[in-house]
């Protein structure tokens, strides 16, 4: 069966799902002049990887960089037809930059394993093949699903991300947390319509662990690296300030209990990262090794899968 003869996008996607070894050189019978490699980094993502890759069926190539998963992540990705590479964990930005360099095409679309490409976003990306690219990078809105609803406020939407870019004009900014693509000077960036759909938090307990075991420790280390320092005053005010910003100034109240929960966890995160930064300062002053394992996959990924 030849999947490239499909004229309806839905039939095309279903066809690729049935024959995952075939990648779309032609969509809707038209040659796509913009070749795009989609990249995903993984570690024990067997619960997420199939849906993520399915939403990337439109890409000309899928590159998965796995940091030595112990579950079926690599097997699932290989069966889907992705190019699977194994690299020991070197940090979020480094893993994503490695995936970028290993891609066959210069145009890169980066997706996390707990994200999906919405149909509207897929349409806007494929449309670039018709009209051609008009920029060096494209921003995309990211919408998060939390406590049974799509979040509108609290600073969680539109949560713009630069995810489609020409690797000749960009690279991943080297940060411990909230890594992002940094465009070269003079590069032009515009927006695409449609959302990345984000399914990162399972429940309140999972959210609590994410903050305590990943986000707060990494944020504290990044703040220290950036020359920032904590104090009793900052520790005391960081939490209330973050809550007010999330719930009132960023309209988290529009999301009901979910918005209240997000604001509460924002306060917890702000408080905890400042306490951890204060502790880090004391460790460094005493000559101790500051958070030696903070950027390992054990602290940033594996503990959050349970």
C-alpha atoms as a PDB file:
ATOM      1  CA  UNK A   1       0.000   0.000   0.000  1.00  0.00           C
ATOM      2  CA  UNK A   2       1.261   3.465  -0.931  1.00  0.00           C
ATOM      3  CA  UNK A   3       0.401   6.077   1.693  1.00  0.00           C
ATOM      4  CA  UNK A   4       1.561   9.067  -0.316  1.00  0.00           C
ATOM      5  CA  UNK A   5      -1.492   8.943  -2.611  1.00  0.00           C
ATOM      6  CA  UNK A   6      -3.875   9.987   0.170  1.00  0.00           C
ATOM      7  CA  UNK A   7      -5.578  13.320  -0.493  1.00  0.00           C
ATOM      8  CA  UNK A   8      -7.210  13.700   2.866  1.00  0.00           C
ATOM      9  CA  UNK A   9      -4.961  14.601   5.792  1.00  0.00           C
ATOM     10  CA  UNK A  10      -6.810  12.376   8.254  1.00  0.00           C
ATOM     11  CA  UNK A  11      -6.490   9.378   5.956  1.00  0.00           C
ATOM     12  CA  UNK A  12      -2.815  10.183   5.517  1.00  0.00           C
ATOM     13  CA  UNK A  13      -2.163  10.209   9.251  1.00  0.00           C
ATOM     14  CA  UNK A  14      -4.048   6.933   9.700  1.00  0.00           C
ATOM     15  CA  UNK A  15      -2.084   5.436   6.854  1.00  0.00           C
ATOM     16  CA  UNK A  16       1.228   6.408   8.438  1.00  0.00           C
ATOM     17  CA  UNK A  17       0.048   4.957  11.749  1.00  0.00           C
ATOM     18  CA  UNK A  18      -0.663   1.621  10.066  1.00  0.00           C
ATOM     19  CA  UNK A  19       2.666   1.701   8.216  1.00  0.00           C
ATOM     20  CA  UNK A  20       5.007   3.527  10.628  1.00  0.00           C
ATOM     21  CA  UNK A  21       8.153   2.767   8.641  1.00  0.00           C
ATOM     22  CA  UNK A  22       6.956   5.140   5.906  1.00  0.00           C
ATOM     23  CA  UNK A  23       7.646   8.853   6.422  1.00  0.00           C
ATOM     24  CA  UNK A  24       5.756  11.533   4.477  1.00  0.00           C
ATOM     25  CA  UNK A  25       7.826  12.927   1.637  1.00  0.00           C
ATOM     26  CA  UNK A  26       4.539  14.050   0.121  1.00  0.00           C
ATOM     27  CA  UNK A  27       1.508  15.360   2.036  1.00  0.00           C
ATOM     28  CA  UNK A  28      -1.891  15.543   0.299  1.00  0.00           C
ATOM     29  CA  UNK A  29      -0.169  14.659  -2.961  1.00  0.00           C
ATOM     30  CA  UNK A  30       2.020  17.781  -2.901  1.00  0.00           C
ATOM     31  CA  UNK A  31       5.778  17.799  -2.598  1.00  0.00           C
ATOM     32  CA  UNK A  32       6.809  19.610   0.580  1.00  0.00           C
ATOM     33  CA  UNK A  33       9.607  22.027  -0.320  1.00  0.00           C
ATOM     34  CA  UNK A  34      10.472  22.575   3.361  1.00  0.00           C
ATOM     35  CA  UNK A  35      12.003  19.428   4.791  1.00  0.00           C
ATOM     36  CA  UNK A  36      11.587  19.243   8.557  1.00  0.00           C
ATOM     37  CA  UNK A  37      13.235  16.946  11.098  1.00  0.00           C
ATOM     38  CA  UNK A  38      11.289  16.528  14.329  1.00  0.00           C
ATOM     39  CA  UNK A  39      13.363  15.859  17.452  1.00  0.00           C
ATOM     40  CA  UNK A  40      12.390  14.365  20.811  1.00  0.00           C
ATOM     41  CA  UNK A  41      14.552  13.614  23.856  1.00  0.00           C
ATOM     42  CA  UNK A  42      13.462  10.768  26.107  1.00  0.00           C
ATOM     43  CA  UNK A  43      14.091   8.877  29.315  1.00  0.00           C
ATOM     44  CA  UNK A  44      11.633   6.150  30.338  1.00  0.00           C
ATOM     45  CA  UNK A  45       8.797   7.625  28.289  1.00  0.00           C
ATOM     46  CA  UNK A  46       6.993   4.455  27.200  1.00  0.00           C
ATOM     47  CA  UNK A  47       3.669   5.891  28.428  1.00  0.00           C
ATOM     48  CA  UNK A  48       4.014   9.048  26.303  1.00  0.00           C
ATOM     49  CA  UNK A  49       6.199   8.349  23.309  1.00  0.00           C
ATOM     50  CA  UNK A  50       3.623   6.717  21.008  1.00  0.00           C
ATOM     51  CA  UNK A  51       1.199   9.639  21.177  1.00  0.00           C
ATOM     52  CA  UNK A  52       4.012  12.164  20.774  1.00  0.00           C
ATOM     53  CA  UNK A  53       5.391  10.434  17.682  1.00  0.00           C
ATOM     54  CA  UNK A  54       1.926   9.946  16.235  1.00  0.00           C
ATOM     55  CA  UNK A  55       1.426  13.717  16.362  1.00  0.00           C
ATOM     56  CA  UNK A  56       4.697  14.093  14.429  1.00  0.00           C
ATOM     57  CA  UNK A  57       3.721  11.771  11.557  1.00  0.00           C
ATOM     58  CA  UNK A  58       3.802  14.724   9.167  1.00  0.00           C
ATOM     59  CA  UNK A  59       7.565  15.278   9.660  1.00  0.00           C
ATOM     60  CA  UNK A  60      10.068  14.175   7.025  1.00  0.00           C
ATOM     61  CA  UNK A  61      12.215  12.642   9.755  1.00  0.00           C
ATOM     62  CA  UNK A  62      11.878  11.934  13.483  1.00  0.00           C
ATOM     63  CA  UNK A  63      15.015  11.840  15.630  1.00  0.00           C
ATOM     64  CA  UNK A  64      14.755  10.445  19.168  1.00  0.00           C
ATOM     65  CA  UNK A  65      17.708  10.921  21.521  1.00  0.00           C
ATOM     66  CA  UNK A  66      17.289   8.601  24.482  1.00  0.00           C
ATOM     67  CA  UNK A  67      19.304   8.904  27.690  1.00  0.00           C
ATOM     68  CA  UNK A  68      19.574   5.176  28.435  1.00  0.00           C
ATOM     69  CA  UNK A  69      15.948   4.352  29.209  1.00  0.00           C
ATOM     70  CA  UNK A  70      15.259   1.131  31.102  1.00  0.00           C
ATOM     71  CA  UNK A  71      11.725   0.691  29.742  1.00  0.00           C
ATOM     72  CA  UNK A  72      10.402   0.141  26.186  1.00  0.00           C
ATOM     73  CA  UNK A  73      10.881   3.739  24.985  1.00  0.00           C
ATOM     74  CA  UNK A  74      13.541   2.948  22.377  1.00  0.00           C
ATOM     75  CA  UNK A  75      11.696  -0.130  21.118  1.00  0.00           C
ATOM     76  CA  UNK A  76       8.465   1.806  20.622  1.00  0.00           C
ATOM     77  CA  UNK A  77      10.249   4.668  18.857  1.00  0.00           C
ATOM     78  CA  UNK A  78      12.130   2.270  16.586  1.00  0.00           C
ATOM     79  CA  UNK A  79       8.933   0.422  15.658  1.00  0.00           C
ATOM     80  CA  UNK A  80       7.354   3.755  14.779  1.00  0.00           C
ATOM     81  CA  UNK A  81      10.151   4.447  12.304  1.00  0.00           C
ATOM     82  CA  UNK A  82      12.110   7.059  14.221  1.00  0.00           C
ATOM     83  CA  UNK A  83      15.876   7.399  14.061  1.00  0.00           C
ATOM     84  CA  UNK A  84      16.829   6.436  17.620  1.00  0.00           C
ATOM     85  CA  UNK A  85      20.147   7.487  19.148  1.00  0.00           C
ATOM     86  CA  UNK A  86      21.399   6.747  22.657  1.00  0.00           C
ATOM     87  CA  UNK A  87      23.424   9.308  24.575  1.00  0.00           C
ATOM     88  CA  UNK A  88      24.135   9.392  28.306  1.00  0.00           C
ATOM     89  CA  UNK A  89      22.393  12.293  30.031  1.00  0.00           C
ATOM     90  CA  UNK A  90      24.200  15.618  29.615  1.00  0.00           C
ATOM     91  CA  UNK A  91      21.377  18.015  30.542  1.00  0.00           C
ATOM     92  CA  UNK A  92      18.214  19.154  28.778  1.00  0.00           C
ATOM     93  CA  UNK A  93      19.794  21.751  26.495  1.00  0.00           C
ATOM     94  CA  UNK A  94      22.741  19.526  25.567  1.00  0.00           C
ATOM     95  CA  UNK A  95      20.497  16.574  24.726  1.00  0.00           C
ATOM     96  CA  UNK A  96      18.308  18.757  22.520  1.00  0.00           C
ATOM     97  CA  UNK A  97      21.294  20.342  20.811  1.00  0.00           C
ATOM     98  CA  UNK A  98      22.710  16.883  20.081  1.00  0.00           C
ATOM     99  CA  UNK A  99      19.383  15.850  18.539  1.00  0.00           C
ATOM    100  CA  UNK A 100      19.460  19.018  16.420  1.00  0.00           C
ATOM    101  CA  UNK A 101      22.935  18.268  15.076  1.00  0.00           C
ATOM    102  CA  UNK A 102      22.030  14.653  14.243  1.00  0.00           C
ATOM    103  CA  UNK A 103      19.009  15.573  12.114  1.00  0.00           C
ATOM    104  CA  UNK A 104      19.119  15.144   8.349  1.00  0.00           C
ATOM    105  CA  UNK A 105      17.405  18.465   7.597  1.00  0.00           C
ATOM    106  CA  UNK A 106      18.203  22.041   8.588  1.00  0.00           C
ATOM    107  CA  UNK A 107      14.677  22.868   9.684  1.00  0.00           C
ATOM    108  CA  UNK A 108      14.020  21.448  13.156  1.00  0.00           C
ATOM    109  CA  UNK A 109      10.789  21.031  15.087  1.00  0.00           C
ATOM    110  CA  UNK A 110      11.422  20.173  18.743  1.00  0.00           C
ATOM    111  CA  UNK A 111       8.795  18.380  20.815  1.00  0.00           C
ATOM    112  CA  UNK A 112       8.950  16.965  24.331  1.00  0.00           C
ATOM    113  CA  UNK A 113       7.636  13.462  24.978  1.00  0.00           C
ATOM    114  CA  UNK A 114       4.751  14.783  27.092  1.00  0.00           C
ATOM    115  CA  UNK A 115       3.610  17.134  24.327  1.00  0.00           C
ATOM    116  CA  UNK A 116       1.461  16.701  21.202  1.00  0.00           C
ATOM    117  CA  UNK A 117       1.098  18.721  18.005  1.00  0.00           C
ATOM    118  CA  UNK A 118      -2.489  19.941  17.613  1.00  0.00           C
ATOM    119  CA  UNK A 119      -4.208  19.476  14.221  1.00  0.00           C
ATOM    120  CA  UNK A 120      -4.296  23.261  13.718  1.00  0.00           C
ATOM    121  CA  UNK A 121      -0.563  23.568  14.366  1.00  0.00           C
ATOM    122  CA  UNK A 122       0.131  20.681  12.015  1.00  0.00           C
ATOM    123  CA  UNK A 123      -1.857  22.455   9.301  1.00  0.00           C
ATOM    124  CA  UNK A 124       0.085  25.711   9.754  1.00  0.00           C
ATOM    125  CA  UNK A 125       3.430  23.875   9.601  1.00  0.00           C
ATOM    126  CA  UNK A 126       2.452  21.973   6.469  1.00  0.00           C
ATOM    127  CA  UNK A 127       1.287  25.225   4.889  1.00  0.00           C
ATOM    128  CA  UNK A 128       4.907  26.394   4.924  1.00  0.00           C
ATOM    129  CA  UNK A 129       5.496  23.870   2.168  1.00  0.00           C
ATOM    130  CA  UNK A 130       3.065  25.772  -0.035  1.00  0.00           C
ATOM    131  CA  UNK A 131       3.997  29.367   0.615  1.00  0.00           C
ATOM    132  CA  UNK A 132       7.615  28.872   1.738  1.00  0.00           C
ATOM    133  CA  UNK A 133       9.238  29.984   4.967  1.00  0.00           C
ATOM    134  CA  UNK A 134       9.193  33.698   5.751  1.00  0.00           C
ATOM    135  CA  UNK A 135      11.345  33.636   8.882  1.00  0.00           C
ATOM    136  CA  UNK A 136      14.262  31.828  10.508  1.00  0.00           C
ATOM    137  CA  UNK A 137      12.257  30.680  13.498  1.00  0.00           C
ATOM    138  CA  UNK A 138       8.612  30.255  14.519  1.00  0.00           C
ATOM    139  CA  UNK A 139       7.002  30.715  17.925  1.00  0.00           C
ATOM    140  CA  UNK A 140       4.215  28.355  18.983  1.00  0.00           C
ATOM    141  CA  UNK A 141       1.674  28.643  21.789  1.00  0.00           C
ATOM    142  CA  UNK A 142       1.680  25.822  24.338  1.00  0.00           C
ATOM    143  CA  UNK A 143      -1.549  24.861  26.116  1.00  0.00           C
ATOM    144  CA  UNK A 144      -1.413  22.721  29.273  1.00  0.00           C
ATOM    145  CA  UNK A 145      -3.967  20.172  30.465  1.00  0.00           C
ATOM    146  CA  UNK A 146      -4.291  20.216  34.262  1.00  0.00           C
ATOM    147  CA  UNK A 147      -6.861  18.773  36.663  1.00  0.00           C
ATOM    148  CA  UNK A 148      -9.163  17.786  33.836  1.00  0.00           C
ATOM    149  CA  UNK A 149      -9.195  21.089  31.928  1.00  0.00           C
ATOM    150  CA  UNK A 150      -7.225  23.205  29.479  1.00  0.00           C
ATOM    151  CA  UNK A 151      -5.614  26.068  31.394  1.00  0.00           C
ATOM    152  CA  UNK A 152      -6.206  29.630  30.222  1.00  0.00           C
ATOM    153  CA  UNK A 153      -4.594  31.805  32.917  1.00  0.00           C
ATOM    154  CA  UNK A 154      -2.006  31.797  35.661  1.00  0.00           C
ATOM    155  CA  UNK A 155       0.790  32.487  33.185  1.00  0.00           C
ATOM    156  CA  UNK A 156       0.370  29.021  31.694  1.00  0.00           C
ATOM    157  CA  UNK A 157      -1.103  30.201  28.408  1.00  0.00           C
ATOM    158  CA  UNK A 158      -0.115  31.125  25.763  1.00  0.00           C
ATOM    159  CA  UNK A 159       3.342  30.068  27.113  1.00  0.00           C
ATOM    160  CA  UNK A 160       5.008  30.808  23.765  1.00  0.00           C
ATOM    161  CA  UNK A 161       7.838  28.495  22.713  1.00  0.00           C
ATOM    162  CA  UNK A 162      10.287  28.784  19.812  1.00  0.00           C
ATOM    163  CA  UNK A 163      10.083  25.253  18.454  1.00  0.00           C
ATOM    164  CA  UNK A 164      10.417  25.424  14.662  1.00  0.00           C
ATOM    165  CA  UNK A 165      13.720  26.888  13.524  1.00  0.00           C
ATOM    166  CA  UNK A 166      16.532  26.798  10.999  1.00  0.00           C
ATOM    167  CA  UNK A 167      19.469  25.246  12.854  1.00  0.00           C
ATOM    168  CA  UNK A 168      21.876  27.296  10.739  1.00  0.00           C
ATOM    169  CA  UNK A 169      20.527  30.416  12.486  1.00  0.00           C
ATOM    170  CA  UNK A 170      19.935  29.079  15.999  1.00  0.00           C
ATOM    171  CA  UNK A 171      21.056  26.813  18.829  1.00  0.00           C
ATOM    172  CA  UNK A 172      19.823  25.669  22.217  1.00  0.00           C
ATOM    173  CA  UNK A 173      20.699  28.110  24.991  1.00  0.00           C
ATOM    174  CA  UNK A 174      22.791  26.410  27.659  1.00  0.00           C
ATOM    175  CA  UNK A 175      20.666  26.545  30.792  1.00  0.00           C
ATOM    176  CA  UNK A 176      19.946  23.958  33.475  1.00  0.00           C
ATOM    177  CA  UNK A 177      16.188  24.517  33.340  1.00  0.00           C
ATOM    178  CA  UNK A 178      13.595  26.024  31.002  1.00  0.00           C
ATOM    179  CA  UNK A 179      15.962  25.526  28.097  1.00  0.00           C
ATOM    180  CA  UNK A 180      15.063  27.421  24.946  1.00  0.00           C
ATOM    181  CA  UNK A 181      16.203  28.056  21.394  1.00  0.00           C
ATOM    182  CA  UNK A 182      18.344  31.155  20.929  1.00  0.00           C
ATOM    183  CA  UNK A 183      18.323  32.730  17.478  1.00  0.00           C
ATOM    184  CA  UNK A 184      21.402  34.342  15.970  1.00  0.00           C
ATOM    185  CA  UNK A 185      21.619  38.095  15.742  1.00  0.00           C
ATOM    186  CA  UNK A 186      19.522  39.402  12.876  1.00  0.00           C
ATOM    187  CA  UNK A 187      17.373  36.283  12.584  1.00  0.00           C
ATOM    188  CA  UNK A 188      13.677  36.849  11.954  1.00  0.00           C
ATOM    189  CA  UNK A 189      11.083  35.177  14.188  1.00  0.00           C
ATOM    190  CA  UNK A 190       7.327  35.050  13.672  1.00  0.00           C
ATOM    191  CA  UNK A 191       4.398  32.938  14.934  1.00  0.00           C
ATOM    192  CA  UNK A 192       2.465  29.899  13.812  1.00  0.00           C
ATOM    193  CA  UNK A 193      -1.215  29.309  14.511  1.00  0.00           C
ATOM    194  CA  UNK A 194      -2.218  26.303  16.580  1.00  0.00           C
ATOM    195  CA  UNK A 195      -0.988  24.931  19.894  1.00  0.00           C
ATOM    196  CA  UNK A 196       1.415  22.427  21.322  1.00  0.00           C
ATOM    197  CA  UNK A 197      -0.685  20.376  23.753  1.00  0.00           C
ATOM    198  CA  UNK A 198       1.118  19.752  27.040  1.00  0.00           C
ATOM    199  CA  UNK A 199       0.318  16.834  29.366  1.00  0.00           C
ATOM    200  CA  UNK A 200       3.094  17.233  31.924  1.00  0.00           C
ATOM    201  CA  UNK A 201       1.363  16.921  35.320  1.00  0.00           C
ATOM    202  CA  UNK A 202      -0.615  13.838  36.303  1.00  0.00           C
ATOM    203  CA  UNK A 203      -1.953  15.034  39.646  1.00  0.00           C
ATOM    204  CA  UNK A 204      -1.124  17.202  42.669  1.00  0.00           C
ATOM    205  CA  UNK A 205       1.315  14.664  44.107  1.00  0.00           C
ATOM    206  CA  UNK A 206       3.183  14.506  40.815  1.00  0.00           C
ATOM    207  CA  UNK A 207       3.247  18.315  40.616  1.00  0.00           C
ATOM    208  CA  UNK A 208       4.688  18.470  44.136  1.00  0.00           C
ATOM    209  CA  UNK A 209       7.463  16.017  43.239  1.00  0.00           C
ATOM    210  CA  UNK A 210       8.281  17.872  40.020  1.00  0.00           C
ATOM    211  CA  UNK A 211       8.893  21.059  41.969  1.00  0.00           C
ATOM    212  CA  UNK A 212      10.846  19.463  44.807  1.00  0.00           C
ATOM    213  CA  UNK A 213      12.958  17.098  42.744  1.00  0.00           C
ATOM    214  CA  UNK A 214      13.430  18.953  39.462  1.00  0.00           C
ATOM    215  CA  UNK A 215      12.335  22.549  39.072  1.00  0.00           C
ATOM    216  CA  UNK A 216      13.318  24.098  42.411  1.00  0.00           C
ATOM    217  CA  UNK A 217      16.797  22.484  42.641  1.00  0.00           C
ATOM    218  CA  UNK A 218      17.631  23.315  39.025  1.00  0.00           C
ATOM    219  CA  UNK A 219      16.235  26.829  39.336  1.00  0.00           C
ATOM    220  CA  UNK A 220      18.334  27.432  42.450  1.00  0.00           C
ATOM    221  CA  UNK A 221      21.473  26.237  40.680  1.00  0.00           C
ATOM    222  CA  UNK A 222      20.717  28.350  37.604  1.00  0.00           C
ATOM    223  CA  UNK A 223      20.100  31.413  39.770  1.00  0.00           C
ATOM    224  CA  UNK A 224      23.434  30.835  41.500  1.00  0.00           C
ATOM    225  CA  UNK A 225      25.200  30.479  38.146  1.00  0.00           C
ATOM    226  CA  UNK A 226      23.577  33.736  37.016  1.00  0.00           C
ATOM    227  CA  UNK A 227      25.011  35.553  40.016  1.00  0.00           C
ATOM    228  CA  UNK A 228      21.751  35.847  41.948  1.00  0.00           C
ATOM    229  CA  UNK A 229      21.684  35.472  45.731  1.00  0.00           C
ATOM    230  CA  UNK A 230      18.918  34.860  48.247  1.00  0.00           C
ATOM    231  CA  UNK A 231      18.081  36.438  51.601  1.00  0.00           C
ATOM    232  CA  UNK A 232      15.588  36.091  54.432  1.00  0.00           C
ATOM    233  CA  UNK A 233      13.494  38.862  52.907  1.00  0.00           C
ATOM    234  CA  UNK A 234      13.455  37.228  49.479  1.00  0.00           C
ATOM    235  CA  UNK A 235      12.570  33.849  50.991  1.00  0.00           C
ATOM    236  CA  UNK A 236       9.713  35.422  52.960  1.00  0.00           C
ATOM    237  CA  UNK A 237       8.227  37.373  50.063  1.00  0.00           C
ATOM    238  CA  UNK A 238       8.838  35.083  47.079  1.00  0.00           C
ATOM    239  CA  UNK A 239       5.904  32.771  47.800  1.00  0.00           C
ATOM    240  CA  UNK A 240       3.169  35.383  48.390  1.00  0.00           C
ATOM    241  CA  UNK A 241       4.385  37.416  45.428  1.00  0.00           C
ATOM    242  CA  UNK A 242       4.274  34.385  43.101  1.00  0.00           C
ATOM    243  CA  UNK A 243       0.772  33.477  44.298  1.00  0.00           C
ATOM    244  CA  UNK A 244      -0.601  36.958  43.673  1.00  0.00           C
ATOM    245  CA  UNK A 245       1.013  37.141  40.265  1.00  0.00           C
ATOM    246  CA  UNK A 246      -0.372  33.763  39.179  1.00  0.00           C
ATOM    247  CA  UNK A 247      -3.845  33.959  40.672  1.00  0.00           C
ATOM    248  CA  UNK A 248      -4.695  37.656  40.305  1.00  0.00           C
ATOM    249  CA  UNK A 249      -2.386  39.478  37.902  1.00  0.00           C
ATOM    250  CA  UNK A 250      -2.257  36.578  35.424  1.00  0.00           C
ATOM    251  CA  UNK A 251      -5.938  35.691  35.915  1.00  0.00           C
ATOM    252  CA  UNK A 252      -5.473  32.202  37.322  1.00  0.00           C
ATOM    253  CA  UNK A 253      -8.850  32.618  39.028  1.00  0.00           C
ATOM    254  CA  UNK A 254     -10.491  32.020  35.637  1.00  0.00           C
ATOM    255  CA  UNK A 255      -9.479  28.358  35.861  1.00  0.00           C
ATOM    256  CA  UNK A 256     -11.342  27.616  39.083  1.00  0.00           C
ATOM    257  CA  UNK A 257      -9.746  25.126  41.462  1.00  0.00           C
ATOM    258  CA  UNK A 258      -7.075  24.316  38.887  1.00  0.00           C
ATOM    259  CA  UNK A 259      -6.036  27.971  38.821  1.00  0.00           C
ATOM    260  CA  UNK A 260      -5.932  28.109  42.603  1.00  0.00           C
ATOM    261  CA  UNK A 261      -3.819  24.940  42.704  1.00  0.00           C
ATOM    262  CA  UNK A 262      -1.403  26.293  40.098  1.00  0.00           C
ATOM    263  CA  UNK A 263      -1.013  29.534  42.055  1.00  0.00           C
ATOM    264  CA  UNK A 264      -0.384  27.574  45.247  1.00  0.00           C
ATOM    265  CA  UNK A 265       2.314  25.496  43.616  1.00  0.00           C
ATOM    266  CA  UNK A 266       3.827  28.624  42.036  1.00  0.00           C
ATOM    267  CA  UNK A 267       4.179  30.025  45.555  1.00  0.00           C
ATOM    268  CA  UNK A 268       5.703  26.772  46.794  1.00  0.00           C
ATOM    269  CA  UNK A 269       8.180  26.722  43.916  1.00  0.00           C
ATOM    270  CA  UNK A 270       9.230  30.347  44.459  1.00  0.00           C
ATOM    271  CA  UNK A 271       9.716  29.797  48.190  1.00  0.00           C
ATOM    272  CA  UNK A 272      11.599  26.523  47.762  1.00  0.00           C
ATOM    273  CA  UNK A 273      14.002  27.721  45.072  1.00  0.00           C
ATOM    274  CA  UNK A 274      15.024  30.704  47.209  1.00  0.00           C
ATOM    275  CA  UNK A 275      15.561  28.463  50.249  1.00  0.00           C
ATOM    276  CA  UNK A 276      17.635  26.075  48.103  1.00  0.00           C
ATOM    277  CA  UNK A 277      19.614  28.992  46.694  1.00  0.00           C
ATOM    278  CA  UNK A 278      20.342  30.153  50.261  1.00  0.00           C
ATOM    279  CA  UNK A 279      21.463  26.624  51.193  1.00  0.00           C
ATOM    280  CA  UNK A 280      23.633  26.442  48.076  1.00  0.00           C
ATOM    281  CA  UNK A 281      25.353  29.696  49.006  1.00  0.00           C
ATOM    282  CA  UNK A 282      26.181  28.265  52.444  1.00  0.00           C
ATOM    283  CA  UNK A 283      27.542  25.048  50.957  1.00  0.00           C
ATOM    284  CA  UNK A 284      29.795  26.911  48.567  1.00  0.00           C
ATOM    285  CA  UNK A 285      31.019  29.194  51.350  1.00  0.00           C
ATOM    286  CA  UNK A 286      31.877  26.110  53.430  1.00  0.00           C
ATOM    287  CA  UNK A 287      33.770  24.536  50.536  1.00  0.00           C
ATOM    288  CA  UNK A 288      31.239  21.769  49.957  1.00  0.00           C
ATOM    289  CA  UNK A 289      30.282  20.403  46.552  1.00  0.00           C
ATOM    290  CA  UNK A 290      27.141  22.312  45.505  1.00  0.00           C
ATOM    291  CA  UNK A 291      24.406  20.012  44.263  1.00  0.00           C
ATOM    292  CA  UNK A 292      26.772  17.748  42.339  1.00  0.00           C
ATOM    293  CA  UNK A 293      23.965  15.598  40.976  1.00  0.00           C
ATOM    294  CA  UNK A 294      21.441  18.344  40.317  1.00  0.00           C
ATOM    295  CA  UNK A 295      21.605  17.983  36.559  1.00  0.00           C
ATOM    296  CA  UNK A 296      21.631  14.182  36.392  1.00  0.00           C
ATOM    297  CA  UNK A 297      18.796  12.188  34.842  1.00  0.00           C
ATOM    298  CA  UNK A 298      18.191  10.565  38.218  1.00  0.00           C
ATOM    299  CA  UNK A 299      17.208  13.880  39.810  1.00  0.00           C
ATOM    300  CA  UNK A 300      15.635  15.528  36.779  1.00  0.00           C
ATOM    301  CA  UNK A 301      13.782  12.659  35.116  1.00  0.00           C
ATOM    302  CA  UNK A 302      13.617   9.163  36.588  1.00  0.00           C
ATOM    303  CA  UNK A 303      12.143  10.027  39.971  1.00  0.00           C
ATOM    304  CA  UNK A 304       9.219  11.757  38.311  1.00  0.00           C
ATOM    305  CA  UNK A 305       7.986   8.722  36.390  1.00  0.00           C
ATOM    306  CA  UNK A 306       6.336   6.993  39.349  1.00  0.00           C
END
